[in-house]
Structures are given as C-alpha cells and as structure tokens.
Amino acid sequence: MKKNLAFYTLFTGGFSLLIWFLLNNGKNLEANRILPHMVSSENDSIFSGLDSNIHNPLCILILQITVILIFARILGYLFKKAGQPSVVGEIIAGIVLGPSLLGLYLPEVSSFIFPASSLGNIQFLSQIGLILFMFIVGMEIDSATIKNQAHQAVIISHASIIFPFFLGVVSSFFPL
C-alpha cells in the first residue's frame, strides 16, 4: 500500500511539475508573433465557433450516440425498477427518439440531432452493434440445452409456420 501511494505521489507530482514548467516556458514561444487565426473581429463570439463545429459529421455522430445511450440507460433503468427487462426500456427509448414520437412532436429537435445526412452513419453503427450482439448471444448458447429441447423447438417452429399459412389459404377462398 505504501509502495502504491509513493508511486502515485511521485507520478502525479512529477507530471504536474512538467506541465507547470511547459506552461510557464511555452507562453514565451509565441509572445511577439500574432497568429492570423487567433485574431478575432468584433462580430465573433464564442458561439460562432460552436455553431460551425456543431455541423461537423463527427460532432453530430458523437451527439447522436450520447443522446441514444443516455435515453436507453434511463429508460432501461426505469423499466428494470418497474420489474420489466431493461431491454424493453431500451427498445422504447429507440421508439421515443425515432420519427414516431420525437420526429412527430418535436421535428426541429429531431432534425437537429438526427439530420437526414447522418442517418447512414447511425445505420452502419447499428449493423455493427447487431453483429456483435448476435456474436455474444451465440457465445452464451448452451448446446446441451438445445439438444434436449430440439424436438419441441422443431414442433413449435413448424406449427408457427403452417398455421398462418393455413389461415392465408383459407382466407383466399373468401374474397373481400
């Protein structure tokens, strides 16, 4: 414990002194030189730089990921507290952030966070996420359980295919 504390103190203290040294000596490097991008006019404000940067595709992607993760975590937590699986809350978060709710009731906010030009990036990331999710699900499958339940799974899958097919054939005899 003492060894870790000494290492931590020396490590953070040493780098803190290096940062202080660089900041004190670095401010004299450009003291007599005026850089063109540092000169600001009277019209410029802090928000003009923010406005130009917020439309950068990478900034939009980071904003989208942040909003999606925050909403998914909040609704997942709330659904878990309500006794439901957290994935249900995460799915509801996707519906809330999509064109069904956010796009319908707050179209300006939706077009700011999810502009049409950036939806390709989100779709690409969602496909990668789906591939990783399916990979993780595949790693957790127990083959012994599948062998024991294979007969029931075949019966259920065939019934879920043949019954709707039968209803479709029957309904074709009764035209609208």
N, C-alpha and C. Protein backbone atom coordinates (compact mmCIF):
# COMPACT_ATOMS: atom_id res chain seq x y z
N MET A 1 0.83 -1.19 0.00
CA MET A 1 0.00 0.00 0.00
C MET A 1 0.87 1.26 0.00
N LYS A 2 1.92 1.24 0.83
CA LYS A 2 2.82 2.39 0.88
C LYS A 2 3.56 2.57 -0.43
N LYS A 3 3.88 1.45 -1.06
CA LYS A 3 4.59 1.49 -2.33
C LYS A 3 3.70 2.13 -3.41
N ASN A 4 2.42 1.75 -3.42
CA ASN A 4 1.49 2.33 -4.38
C ASN A 4 1.27 3.81 -4.15
N LEU A 5 1.19 4.21 -2.89
CA LEU A 5 0.99 5.62 -2.55
C LEU A 5 2.21 6.44 -2.96
N ALA A 6 3.40 5.91 -2.74
CA ALA A 6 4.62 6.61 -3.14
C ALA A 6 4.70 6.73 -4.66
N PHE A 7 4.38 5.66 -5.36
CA PHE A 7 4.40 5.70 -6.82
C PHE A 7 3.38 6.73 -7.33
N TYR A 8 2.18 6.71 -6.78
CA TYR A 8 1.14 7.65 -7.20
C TYR A 8 1.57 9.09 -6.97
N THR A 9 2.13 9.36 -5.80
CA THR A 9 2.57 10.72 -5.47
C THR A 9 3.68 11.18 -6.40
N LEU A 10 4.68 10.34 -6.61
CA LEU A 10 5.78 10.71 -7.50
C LEU A 10 5.32 10.85 -8.94
N PHE A 11 4.47 9.97 -9.38
CA PHE A 11 4.00 10.00 -10.76
C PHE A 11 3.16 11.26 -11.03
N THR A 12 2.15 11.51 -10.21
CA THR A 12 1.30 12.69 -10.44
C THR A 12 2.06 13.97 -10.14
N GLY A 13 2.87 13.98 -9.11
CA GLY A 13 3.64 15.17 -8.79
C GLY A 13 4.66 15.50 -9.86
N GLY A 14 5.34 14.48 -10.37
CA GLY A 14 6.34 14.69 -11.42
C GLY A 14 5.71 15.24 -12.69
N PHE A 15 4.61 14.67 -13.11
CA PHE A 15 3.97 15.17 -14.32
C PHE A 15 3.31 16.53 -14.10
N SER A 16 2.84 16.78 -12.89
CA SER A 16 2.30 18.11 -12.60
C SER A 16 3.39 19.17 -12.71
N LEU A 17 4.58 18.88 -12.21
CA LEU A 17 5.70 19.82 -12.34
C LEU A 17 6.11 20.01 -13.80
N LEU A 18 6.10 18.94 -14.58
CA LEU A 18 6.40 19.06 -16.01
C LEU A 18 5.37 19.92 -16.74
N ILE A 19 4.12 19.75 -16.41
CA ILE A 19 3.07 20.57 -17.04
C ILE A 19 3.24 22.03 -16.66
N TRP A 20 3.52 22.29 -15.38
CA TRP A 20 3.73 23.67 -14.92
C TRP A 20 4.92 24.30 -15.65
N PHE A 21 6.01 23.54 -15.79
CA PHE A 21 7.21 24.03 -16.48
C PHE A 21 6.89 24.36 -17.94
N LEU A 22 6.19 23.46 -18.62
CA LEU A 22 5.87 23.68 -20.03
C LEU A 22 4.93 24.87 -20.21
N LEU A 23 3.97 25.03 -19.33
CA LEU A 23 3.06 26.16 -19.45
C LEU A 23 3.77 27.49 -19.22
N ASN A 24 4.65 27.54 -18.23
CA ASN A 24 5.39 28.79 -17.96
C ASN A 24 6.37 29.14 -19.07
N ASN A 25 7.07 28.17 -19.60
CA ASN A 25 8.04 28.45 -20.64
C ASN A 25 7.41 28.50 -22.04
N GLY A 26 6.30 27.84 -22.22
CA GLY A 26 5.67 27.80 -23.52
C GLY A 26 4.98 29.09 -23.90
N LYS A 27 4.55 29.87 -22.93
CA LYS A 27 3.85 31.11 -23.27
C LYS A 27 4.79 32.15 -23.86
N ASN A 28 6.10 31.98 -23.70
CA ASN A 28 7.05 32.93 -24.27
C ASN A 28 7.44 32.57 -25.71
N LEU A 29 7.06 31.40 -26.19
CA LEU A 29 7.46 30.98 -27.53
C LEU A 29 6.81 31.84 -28.61
N GLU A 30 5.58 32.20 -28.46
CA GLU A 30 4.83 32.95 -29.47
C GLU A 30 4.47 34.35 -28.96
N ALA A 31 5.25 34.89 -28.05
CA ALA A 31 4.88 36.16 -27.42
C ALA A 31 4.85 37.33 -28.40
N ASN A 32 5.79 37.42 -29.34
CA ASN A 32 5.87 38.57 -30.23
C ASN A 32 5.23 38.31 -31.59
N ARG A 33 4.62 37.17 -31.76
CA ARG A 33 4.06 36.82 -33.06
C ARG A 33 2.54 36.76 -32.97
N ILE A 34 1.87 37.44 -33.90
CA ILE A 34 0.42 37.42 -33.93
C ILE A 34 0.01 36.39 -34.96
N LEU A 35 -0.74 35.41 -34.52
CA LEU A 35 -1.18 34.36 -35.41
C LEU A 35 -2.49 34.78 -36.08
N PRO A 36 -2.63 34.56 -37.39
CA PRO A 36 -3.82 35.04 -38.09
C PRO A 36 -5.12 34.41 -37.60
N HIS A 37 -5.12 33.15 -37.22
CA HIS A 37 -6.37 32.54 -36.78
C HIS A 37 -6.73 32.92 -35.34
N MET A 38 -5.81 33.55 -34.64
CA MET A 38 -6.10 33.98 -33.28
C MET A 38 -6.71 35.37 -33.23
N VAL A 39 -6.62 36.13 -34.33
CA VAL A 39 -7.17 37.47 -34.36
C VAL A 39 -8.67 37.35 -34.55
N SER A 40 -9.42 37.97 -33.71
CA SER A 40 -10.88 37.88 -33.81
C SER A 40 -11.46 39.25 -34.09
N SER A 41 -12.50 39.24 -34.86
CA SER A 41 -13.19 40.50 -35.13
C SER A 41 -14.21 40.76 -34.03
N GLU A 42 -14.85 41.91 -34.11
CA GLU A 42 -15.82 42.26 -33.07
C GLU A 42 -17.08 41.42 -33.18
N ASN A 43 -17.38 40.89 -34.38
CA ASN A 43 -18.60 40.12 -34.56
C ASN A 43 -18.48 38.70 -34.02
N ASP A 44 -17.26 38.21 -33.92
CA ASP A 44 -17.07 36.84 -33.47
C ASP A 44 -17.39 36.72 -31.99
N SER A 45 -18.00 35.62 -31.69
CA SER A 45 -18.26 35.29 -30.29
C SER A 45 -17.90 33.83 -30.08
N ILE A 46 -18.03 33.41 -28.90
CA ILE A 46 -17.71 32.02 -28.60
C ILE A 46 -18.69 31.09 -29.29
N PHE A 47 -19.89 31.57 -29.57
CA PHE A 47 -20.91 30.72 -30.18
C PHE A 47 -20.74 30.56 -31.68
N SER A 48 -20.01 31.46 -32.34
CA SER A 48 -19.80 31.30 -33.78
C SER A 48 -18.92 30.08 -34.06
N GLY A 49 -17.92 29.85 -33.25
CA GLY A 49 -17.10 28.65 -33.39
C GLY A 49 -17.87 27.40 -33.06
N LEU A 50 -18.72 27.48 -32.04
CA LEU A 50 -19.55 26.35 -31.66
C LEU A 50 -20.53 26.01 -32.78
N ASP A 51 -21.10 27.05 -33.40
CA ASP A 51 -22.06 26.83 -34.48
C ASP A 51 -21.41 26.17 -35.68
N SER A 52 -20.19 26.55 -36.00
CA SER A 52 -19.52 25.92 -37.14
C SER A 52 -19.09 24.49 -36.82
N ASN A 53 -18.74 24.23 -35.58
CA ASN A 53 -18.29 22.88 -35.22
C ASN A 53 -19.44 21.91 -35.01
N ILE A 54 -20.61 22.40 -34.63
CA ILE A 54 -21.72 21.50 -34.33
C ILE A 54 -22.23 20.81 -35.59
N HIS A 55 -21.95 21.36 -36.76
CA HIS A 55 -22.39 20.76 -38.01
C HIS A 55 -21.36 19.82 -38.61
N ASN A 56 -20.28 19.58 -37.91
CA ASN A 56 -19.27 18.62 -38.33
C ASN A 56 -19.87 17.22 -38.18
N PRO A 57 -19.71 16.34 -39.18
CA PRO A 57 -20.30 15.00 -39.10
C PRO A 57 -19.86 14.19 -37.88
N LEU A 58 -18.60 14.34 -37.47
CA LEU A 58 -18.15 13.61 -36.29
C LEU A 58 -18.82 14.13 -35.03
N CYS A 59 -19.00 15.43 -34.93
CA CYS A 59 -19.68 16.01 -33.78
C CYS A 59 -21.13 15.56 -33.71
N ILE A 60 -21.77 15.51 -34.87
CA ILE A 60 -23.17 15.05 -34.91
C ILE A 60 -23.25 13.59 -34.50
N LEU A 61 -22.32 12.76 -34.96
CA LEU A 61 -22.32 11.35 -34.60
C LEU A 61 -22.11 11.17 -33.10
N ILE A 62 -21.21 11.92 -32.51
CA ILE A 62 -20.97 11.82 -31.07
C ILE A 62 -22.21 12.28 -30.30
N LEU A 63 -22.85 13.35 -30.76
CA LEU A 63 -24.08 13.82 -30.13
C LEU A 63 -25.17 12.74 -30.22
N GLN A 64 -25.32 12.11 -31.37
CA GLN A 64 -26.33 11.08 -31.54
C GLN A 64 -26.07 9.89 -30.62
N ILE A 65 -24.84 9.44 -30.57
CA ILE A 65 -24.50 8.30 -29.72
C ILE A 65 -24.75 8.64 -28.25
N THR A 66 -24.39 9.86 -27.86
CA THR A 66 -24.59 10.28 -26.47
C THR A 66 -26.08 10.32 -26.12
N VAL A 67 -26.88 10.91 -26.98
CA VAL A 67 -28.33 11.01 -26.72
C VAL A 67 -28.95 9.62 -26.67
N ILE A 68 -28.57 8.75 -27.60
CA ILE A 68 -29.12 7.40 -27.64
C ILE A 68 -28.75 6.63 -26.38
N LEU A 69 -27.48 6.69 -25.98
CA LEU A 69 -27.05 5.96 -24.79
C LEU A 69 -27.71 6.48 -23.52
N ILE A 70 -27.84 7.80 -23.40
CA ILE A 70 -28.46 8.36 -22.20
C ILE A 70 -29.93 7.94 -22.10
N PHE A 71 -30.67 8.08 -23.20
CA PHE A 71 -32.08 7.70 -23.17
C PHE A 71 -32.25 6.21 -22.95
N ALA A 72 -31.41 5.38 -23.59
CA ALA A 72 -31.52 3.94 -23.42
C ALA A 72 -31.22 3.53 -21.98
N ARG A 73 -30.22 4.15 -21.38
CA ARG A 73 -29.88 3.82 -19.98
C ARG A 73 -30.98 4.26 -19.01
N ILE A 74 -31.50 5.46 -19.22
CA ILE A 74 -32.53 5.97 -18.31
C ILE A 74 -33.79 5.11 -18.39
N LEU A 75 -34.27 4.87 -19.61
CA LEU A 75 -35.50 4.08 -19.74
C LEU A 75 -35.26 2.61 -19.36
N GLY A 76 -34.08 2.09 -19.64
CA GLY A 76 -33.75 0.73 -19.19
C GLY A 76 -33.77 0.62 -17.68
N TYR A 77 -33.23 1.61 -17.01
CA TYR A 77 -33.22 1.63 -15.54
C TYR A 77 -34.64 1.73 -14.99
N LEU A 78 -35.46 2.62 -15.59
CA LEU A 78 -36.83 2.78 -15.12
C LEU A 78 -37.66 1.51 -15.33
N PHE A 79 -37.46 0.85 -16.45
CA PHE A 79 -38.21 -0.38 -16.69
C PHE A 79 -37.72 -1.49 -15.77
N LYS A 80 -36.45 -1.51 -15.45
CA LYS A 80 -35.93 -2.52 -14.53
C LYS A 80 -36.50 -2.30 -13.14
N LYS A 81 -36.63 -1.03 -12.73
CA LYS A 81 -37.23 -0.71 -11.43
C LYS A 81 -38.71 -1.10 -11.40
N ALA A 82 -39.37 -1.08 -12.57
CA ALA A 82 -40.78 -1.44 -12.67
C ALA A 82 -40.98 -2.94 -12.79
N GLY A 83 -39.89 -3.71 -12.75
CA GLY A 83 -39.99 -5.16 -12.79
C GLY A 83 -39.98 -5.73 -14.20
N GLN A 84 -39.64 -4.93 -15.18
CA GLN A 84 -39.57 -5.38 -16.57
C GLN A 84 -38.10 -5.52 -16.98
N PRO A 85 -37.84 -6.27 -18.03
CA PRO A 85 -36.45 -6.35 -18.51
C PRO A 85 -35.99 -4.99 -19.01
N SER A 86 -34.73 -4.68 -18.77
CA SER A 86 -34.21 -3.36 -19.17
C SER A 86 -34.18 -3.21 -20.69
N VAL A 87 -34.11 -4.33 -21.41
CA VAL A 87 -34.08 -4.24 -22.87
C VAL A 87 -35.39 -3.67 -23.40
N VAL A 88 -36.49 -3.87 -22.70
CA VAL A 88 -37.77 -3.30 -23.13
C VAL A 88 -37.70 -1.78 -23.06
N GLY A 89 -37.12 -1.25 -21.99
CA GLY A 89 -36.94 0.19 -21.88
C GLY A 89 -36.01 0.74 -22.94
N GLU A 90 -34.99 -0.03 -23.31
CA GLU A 90 -34.07 0.41 -24.35
C GLU A 90 -34.77 0.44 -25.71
N ILE A 91 -35.65 -0.52 -25.95
CA ILE A 91 -36.41 -0.53 -27.21
C ILE A 91 -37.37 0.65 -27.23
N ILE A 92 -38.01 0.94 -26.11
CA ILE A 92 -38.92 2.09 -26.02
C ILE A 92 -38.13 3.38 -26.24
N ALA A 93 -36.90 3.44 -25.76
CA ALA A 93 -36.07 4.63 -25.99
C ALA A 93 -35.83 4.84 -27.47
N GLY A 94 -35.61 3.76 -28.20
CA GLY A 94 -35.44 3.86 -29.64
C GLY A 94 -36.69 4.38 -30.32
N ILE A 95 -37.84 3.95 -29.84
CA ILE A 95 -39.11 4.43 -30.40
C ILE A 95 -39.32 5.90 -30.07
N VAL A 96 -38.98 6.28 -28.84
CA VAL A 96 -39.14 7.69 -28.42
C VAL A 96 -38.24 8.60 -29.24
N LEU A 97 -37.01 8.18 -29.51
CA LEU A 97 -36.07 9.02 -30.25
C LEU A 97 -36.28 8.97 -31.76
N GLY A 98 -37.07 8.05 -32.22
CA GLY A 98 -37.29 7.91 -33.65
C GLY A 98 -38.32 8.89 -34.19
N PRO A 99 -38.66 8.72 -35.46
CA PRO A 99 -39.63 9.63 -36.08
C PRO A 99 -41.05 9.45 -35.55
N SER A 100 -41.32 8.35 -34.84
CA SER A 100 -42.67 8.11 -34.32
C SER A 100 -43.06 9.11 -33.24
N LEU A 101 -42.16 9.48 -32.37
CA LEU A 101 -42.50 10.42 -31.30
C LEU A 101 -41.71 11.72 -31.40
N LEU A 102 -40.39 11.64 -31.33
CA LEU A 102 -39.58 12.86 -31.37
C LEU A 102 -39.74 13.58 -32.70
N GLY A 103 -39.74 12.84 -33.79
CA GLY A 103 -39.90 13.45 -35.10
C GLY A 103 -41.29 14.00 -35.33
N LEU A 104 -42.28 13.42 -34.67
CA LEU A 104 -43.66 13.87 -34.84
C LEU A 104 -43.97 15.09 -34.00
N TYR A 105 -43.55 15.08 -32.74
CA TYR A 105 -43.91 16.16 -31.83
C TYR A 105 -42.87 17.27 -31.74
N LEU A 106 -41.60 16.94 -31.95
CA LEU A 106 -40.53 17.94 -31.91
C LEU A 106 -39.65 17.78 -33.15
N PRO A 107 -40.16 18.13 -34.34
CA PRO A 107 -39.38 17.89 -35.56
C PRO A 107 -38.10 18.70 -35.64
N GLU A 108 -38.06 19.89 -35.03
CA GLU A 108 -36.84 20.69 -35.06
C GLU A 108 -35.73 20.02 -34.27
N VAL A 109 -36.08 19.50 -33.11
CA VAL A 109 -35.10 18.80 -32.28
C VAL A 109 -34.62 17.53 -32.98
N SER A 110 -35.57 16.81 -33.57
CA SER A 110 -35.23 15.58 -34.27
C SER A 110 -34.31 15.85 -35.46
N SER A 111 -34.61 16.90 -36.22
CA SER A 111 -33.75 17.20 -37.38
C SER A 111 -32.40 17.77 -36.96
N PHE A 112 -32.31 18.35 -35.77
CA PHE A 112 -31.02 18.83 -35.27
C PHE A 112 -30.16 17.66 -34.81
N ILE A 113 -30.74 16.74 -34.04
CA ILE A 113 -29.97 15.62 -33.51
C ILE A 113 -29.75 14.54 -34.57
N PHE A 114 -30.77 14.28 -35.38
CA PHE A 114 -30.70 13.23 -36.38
C PHE A 114 -30.97 13.78 -37.78
N PRO A 115 -30.05 14.60 -38.32
CA PRO A 115 -30.27 15.10 -39.69
C PRO A 115 -30.21 13.94 -40.69
N ALA A 116 -30.92 14.12 -41.80
CA ALA A 116 -31.01 13.05 -42.80
C ALA A 116 -29.64 12.66 -43.35
N SER A 117 -28.71 13.61 -43.41
CA SER A 117 -27.38 13.31 -43.96
C SER A 117 -26.56 12.40 -43.05
N SER A 118 -26.91 12.28 -41.78
CA SER A 118 -26.11 11.49 -40.86
C SER A 118 -26.72 10.13 -40.55
N LEU A 119 -27.88 9.84 -41.09
CA LEU A 119 -28.53 8.58 -40.75
C LEU A 119 -27.78 7.36 -41.29
N GLY A 120 -27.00 7.54 -42.34
CA GLY A 120 -26.19 6.43 -42.84
C GLY A 120 -25.15 5.97 -41.84
N ASN A 121 -24.55 6.93 -41.12
CA ASN A 121 -23.56 6.58 -40.10
C ASN A 121 -24.19 5.79 -38.96
N ILE A 122 -25.37 6.22 -38.52
CA ILE A 122 -26.06 5.53 -37.43
C ILE A 122 -26.47 4.13 -37.89
N GLN A 123 -26.94 4.01 -39.13
CA GLN A 123 -27.33 2.70 -39.64
C GLN A 123 -26.12 1.76 -39.70
N PHE A 124 -24.99 2.28 -40.13
CA PHE A 124 -23.76 1.47 -40.17
C PHE A 124 -23.38 0.99 -38.78
N LEU A 125 -23.40 1.90 -37.80
CA LEU A 125 -23.05 1.51 -36.43
C LEU A 125 -24.06 0.54 -35.84
N SER A 126 -25.34 0.70 -36.20
CA SER A 126 -26.35 -0.22 -35.68
C SER A 126 -26.14 -1.63 -36.24
N GLN A 127 -25.71 -1.75 -37.48
CA GLN A 127 -25.43 -3.06 -38.05
C GLN A 127 -24.24 -3.72 -37.37
N ILE A 128 -23.22 -2.94 -37.08
CA ILE A 128 -22.06 -3.48 -36.34
C ILE A 128 -22.49 -3.92 -34.94
N GLY A 129 -23.32 -3.11 -34.28
CA GLY A 129 -23.83 -3.47 -32.96
C GLY A 129 -24.65 -4.74 -33.00
N LEU A 130 -25.47 -4.90 -34.03
CA LEU A 130 -26.28 -6.11 -34.18
C LEU A 130 -25.40 -7.34 -34.38
N ILE A 131 -24.35 -7.21 -35.19
CA ILE A 131 -23.43 -8.33 -35.40
C ILE A 131 -22.75 -8.72 -34.10
N LEU A 132 -22.28 -7.73 -33.34
CA LEU A 132 -21.63 -8.03 -32.06
C LEU A 132 -22.61 -8.65 -31.07
N PHE A 133 -23.85 -8.14 -31.05
CA PHE A 133 -24.88 -8.68 -30.15
C PHE A 133 -25.16 -10.15 -30.50
N MET A 134 -25.31 -10.46 -31.78
CA MET A 134 -25.58 -11.84 -32.18
C MET A 134 -24.39 -12.74 -31.87
N PHE A 135 -23.19 -12.20 -31.98
CA PHE A 135 -22.00 -12.97 -31.62
C PHE A 135 -22.00 -13.31 -30.13
N ILE A 136 -22.35 -12.34 -29.31
CA ILE A 136 -22.39 -12.57 -27.85
C ILE A 136 -23.49 -13.57 -27.50
N VAL A 137 -24.65 -13.44 -28.14
CA VAL A 137 -25.74 -14.38 -27.90
C VAL A 137 -25.30 -15.79 -28.30
N GLY A 138 -24.61 -15.90 -29.42
CA GLY A 138 -24.13 -17.21 -29.86
C GLY A 138 -23.13 -17.81 -28.90
N MET A 139 -22.34 -16.97 -28.25
CA MET A 139 -21.37 -17.48 -27.28
C MET A 139 -22.05 -18.01 -26.02
N GLU A 140 -23.23 -17.49 -25.71
CA GLU A 140 -23.91 -17.89 -24.48
C GLU A 140 -24.87 -19.06 -24.67
N ILE A 141 -25.03 -19.55 -25.88
CA ILE A 141 -25.94 -20.66 -26.14
C ILE A 141 -25.34 -21.95 -25.59
N ASP A 142 -26.15 -22.69 -24.86
CA ASP A 142 -25.73 -23.97 -24.30
C ASP A 142 -26.22 -25.07 -25.24
N SER A 143 -25.29 -25.76 -25.88
CA SER A 143 -25.66 -26.77 -26.87
C SER A 143 -26.37 -27.96 -26.23
N ALA A 144 -26.09 -28.27 -24.98
CA ALA A 144 -26.78 -29.39 -24.31
C ALA A 144 -28.26 -29.07 -24.13
N THR A 145 -28.57 -27.84 -23.81
CA THR A 145 -29.97 -27.44 -23.67
C THR A 145 -30.68 -27.50 -25.01
N ILE A 146 -29.99 -27.11 -26.06
CA ILE A 146 -30.59 -27.15 -27.39
C ILE A 146 -30.87 -28.60 -27.79
N LYS A 147 -29.97 -29.53 -27.49
CA LYS A 147 -30.19 -30.94 -27.82
C LYS A 147 -31.41 -31.47 -27.08
N ASN A 148 -31.57 -31.09 -25.82
CA ASN A 148 -32.70 -31.58 -25.03
C ASN A 148 -34.02 -30.99 -25.52
N GLN A 149 -34.00 -29.78 -26.04
CA GLN A 149 -35.23 -29.10 -26.43
C GLN A 149 -35.43 -29.06 -27.94
N ALA A 150 -34.60 -29.76 -28.70
CA ALA A 150 -34.64 -29.69 -30.17
C ALA A 150 -35.98 -30.19 -30.71
N HIS A 151 -36.50 -31.28 -30.17
CA HIS A 151 -37.76 -31.84 -30.66
C HIS A 151 -38.90 -30.84 -30.47
N GLN A 152 -38.96 -30.22 -29.30
CA GLN A 152 -40.01 -29.23 -29.04
C GLN A 152 -39.83 -28.00 -29.93
N ALA A 153 -38.60 -27.61 -30.16
CA ALA A 153 -38.35 -26.43 -30.99
C ALA A 153 -38.78 -26.67 -32.43
N VAL A 154 -38.56 -27.88 -32.95
CA VAL A 154 -38.98 -28.20 -34.32
C VAL A 154 -40.50 -28.19 -34.42
N ILE A 155 -41.17 -28.76 -33.45
CA ILE A 155 -42.63 -28.79 -33.46
C ILE A 155 -43.20 -27.37 -33.39
N ILE A 156 -42.67 -26.55 -32.50
CA ILE A 156 -43.17 -25.18 -32.35
C ILE A 156 -42.89 -24.37 -33.61
N SER A 157 -41.71 -24.52 -34.19
CA SER A 157 -41.39 -23.74 -35.40
C SER A 157 -42.26 -24.15 -36.57
N HIS A 158 -42.50 -25.45 -36.73
CA HIS A 158 -43.36 -25.90 -37.83
C HIS A 158 -44.80 -25.43 -37.61
N ALA A 159 -45.27 -25.50 -36.37
CA ALA A 159 -46.63 -25.03 -36.09
C ALA A 159 -46.77 -23.54 -36.34
N SER A 160 -45.73 -22.78 -36.01
CA SER A 160 -45.80 -21.33 -36.22
C SER A 160 -45.70 -20.95 -37.69
N ILE A 161 -45.27 -21.88 -38.53
CA ILE A 161 -45.23 -21.63 -39.97
C ILE A 161 -46.51 -22.13 -40.64
N ILE A 162 -46.95 -23.33 -40.31
CA ILE A 162 -48.06 -23.94 -41.01
C ILE A 162 -49.39 -23.31 -40.65
N PHE A 163 -49.58 -22.90 -39.41
CA PHE A 163 -50.87 -22.32 -39.01
C PHE A 163 -51.16 -21.01 -39.74
N PRO A 164 -50.24 -20.03 -39.78
CA PRO A 164 -50.52 -18.82 -40.57
C PRO A 164 -50.65 -19.11 -42.06
N PHE A 165 -49.89 -20.08 -42.56
CA PHE A 165 -50.02 -20.45 -43.97
C PHE A 165 -51.42 -21.00 -44.25
N PHE A 166 -51.91 -21.85 -43.34
CA PHE A 166 -53.26 -22.39 -43.47
C PHE A 166 -54.30 -21.28 -43.44
N LEU A 167 -54.15 -20.32 -42.53
CA LEU A 167 -55.09 -19.20 -42.46
C LEU A 167 -55.06 -18.37 -43.75
N GLY A 168 -53.89 -18.22 -44.34
CA GLY A 168 -53.80 -17.50 -45.62
C GLY A 168 -54.51 -18.22 -46.74
N VAL A 169 -54.37 -19.55 -46.78
CA VAL A 169 -55.06 -20.34 -47.82
C VAL A 169 -56.56 -20.27 -47.62
N VAL A 170 -57.02 -20.41 -46.40
CA VAL A 170 -58.46 -20.34 -46.12
C VAL A 170 -59.01 -18.97 -46.47
N SER A 171 -58.29 -17.91 -46.11
CA SER A 171 -58.79 -16.57 -46.41
C SER A 171 -58.80 -16.27 -47.91
N SER A 172 -58.05 -17.02 -48.70
CA SER A 172 -58.06 -16.78 -50.16
C SER A 172 -59.35 -17.26 -50.79
N PHE A 173 -60.08 -18.15 -50.13
CA PHE A 173 -61.35 -18.61 -50.65
C PHE A 173 -62.48 -17.59 -50.42
N PHE A 174 -62.25 -16.64 -49.57
CA PHE A 174 -63.28 -15.63 -49.26
C PHE A 174 -62.79 -14.27 -49.70
N PRO A 175 -63.05 -13.89 -50.96
CA PRO A 175 -62.55 -12.58 -51.43
C PRO A 175 -63.27 -11.44 -50.72
N LEU A 176 -62.59 -10.33 -50.63
CA LEU A 176 -63.16 -9.16 -49.97
C LEU A 176 -64.18 -8.52 -50.80
